[in-house]
């Protein structure tokens, strides 16, 4: 792991200064991806939840690209 990456029981996070992305796995298999930037009044946050099937497709895509 790098100094920017953190692995927990149900989530994985990569952070850089005031920005981060977190991947969280729910008990039913769904996956939530959240991105955030802490910039005071201009802070932004977005999240998206995908099904277990969609998460598997993402995993297969990354593996096919050599990750």
Protein backbone atom coordinates (compact mmCIF):
# COMPACT_ATOMS: atom_id res chain seq x y z
CA UNK A 1 0.00 0.00 0.00
CA UNK A 2 1.04 3.56 -0.58
CA UNK A 3 0.96 6.29 2.04
CA UNK A 4 -2.23 7.62 0.38
CA UNK A 5 -4.18 4.35 0.44
CA UNK A 6 -6.07 2.96 3.40
CA UNK A 7 -7.79 -0.42 3.64
CA UNK A 8 -10.51 -1.11 6.19
CA UNK A 9 -12.84 -4.06 6.79
CA UNK A 10 -15.54 -2.84 4.37
CA UNK A 11 -13.89 0.05 2.54
CA UNK A 12 -10.86 1.24 0.62
CA UNK A 13 -9.77 4.87 0.49
CA UNK A 14 -7.16 6.88 -1.40
CA UNK A 15 -6.58 10.45 -0.29
CA UNK A 16 -4.42 13.32 -1.48
CA UNK A 17 -4.30 16.47 0.65
CA UNK A 18 -7.92 17.64 0.77
CA UNK A 19 -9.36 15.17 -1.76
CA UNK A 20 -10.29 11.53 -1.44
CA UNK A 21 -12.14 8.66 -3.03
CA UNK A 22 -13.68 5.87 -0.98
CA UNK A 23 -15.11 2.55 -2.12
CA UNK A 24 -17.50 1.04 0.43
CA UNK A 25 -19.00 -2.47 0.22
CA UNK A 26 -22.46 -2.98 1.72
CA UNK A 27 -23.59 -6.27 3.26
CA UNK A 28 -25.91 -6.98 0.30
CA UNK A 29 -23.01 -6.72 -2.16
CA UNK A 30 -23.75 -3.24 -3.47
CA UNK A 31 -20.78 -0.88 -3.72
CA UNK A 32 -20.77 2.86 -3.02
CA UNK A 33 -18.09 5.09 -4.51
CA UNK A 34 -17.72 8.51 -2.94
CA UNK A 35 -15.42 11.33 -4.00
CA UNK A 36 -14.89 14.50 -2.04
CA UNK A 37 -12.86 17.68 -1.95
CA UNK A 38 -12.55 19.70 1.23
CA UNK A 39 -12.20 23.31 0.09
CA UNK A 40 -14.08 25.34 2.68
CA UNK A 41 -17.18 26.93 1.16
CA UNK A 42 -16.31 25.42 -2.23
CA UNK A 43 -16.25 21.84 -0.92
CA UNK A 44 -17.77 19.23 -3.18
CA UNK A 45 -18.94 15.69 -2.64
CA UNK A 46 -20.48 13.11 -4.93
CA UNK A 47 -21.40 9.46 -4.50
CA UNK A 48 -22.74 6.68 -6.61
CA UNK A 49 -23.97 3.21 -5.70
CA UNK A 50 -23.65 0.27 -8.07
CA UNK A 51 -24.99 -3.26 -7.83
CA UNK A 52 -22.76 -6.23 -7.09
CA UNK A 53 -23.04 -7.23 -10.77
CA UNK A 54 -21.92 -3.78 -11.93
CA UNK A 55 -19.03 -3.85 -9.44
CA UNK A 56 -17.94 -7.20 -10.87
CA UNK A 57 -18.02 -5.71 -14.38
CA UNK A 58 -15.83 -2.84 -13.14
CA UNK A 59 -13.40 -5.33 -11.60
CA UNK A 60 -13.25 -7.35 -14.83
CA UNK A 61 -12.68 -4.17 -16.83
CA UNK A 62 -9.76 -3.14 -14.62
CA UNK A 63 -8.23 -6.62 -14.81
CA UNK A 64 -8.55 -6.61 -18.62
CA UNK A 65 -6.61 -3.32 -18.67
CA UNK A 66 -3.80 -4.84 -16.62
CA UNK A 67 -4.71 -3.60 -13.15
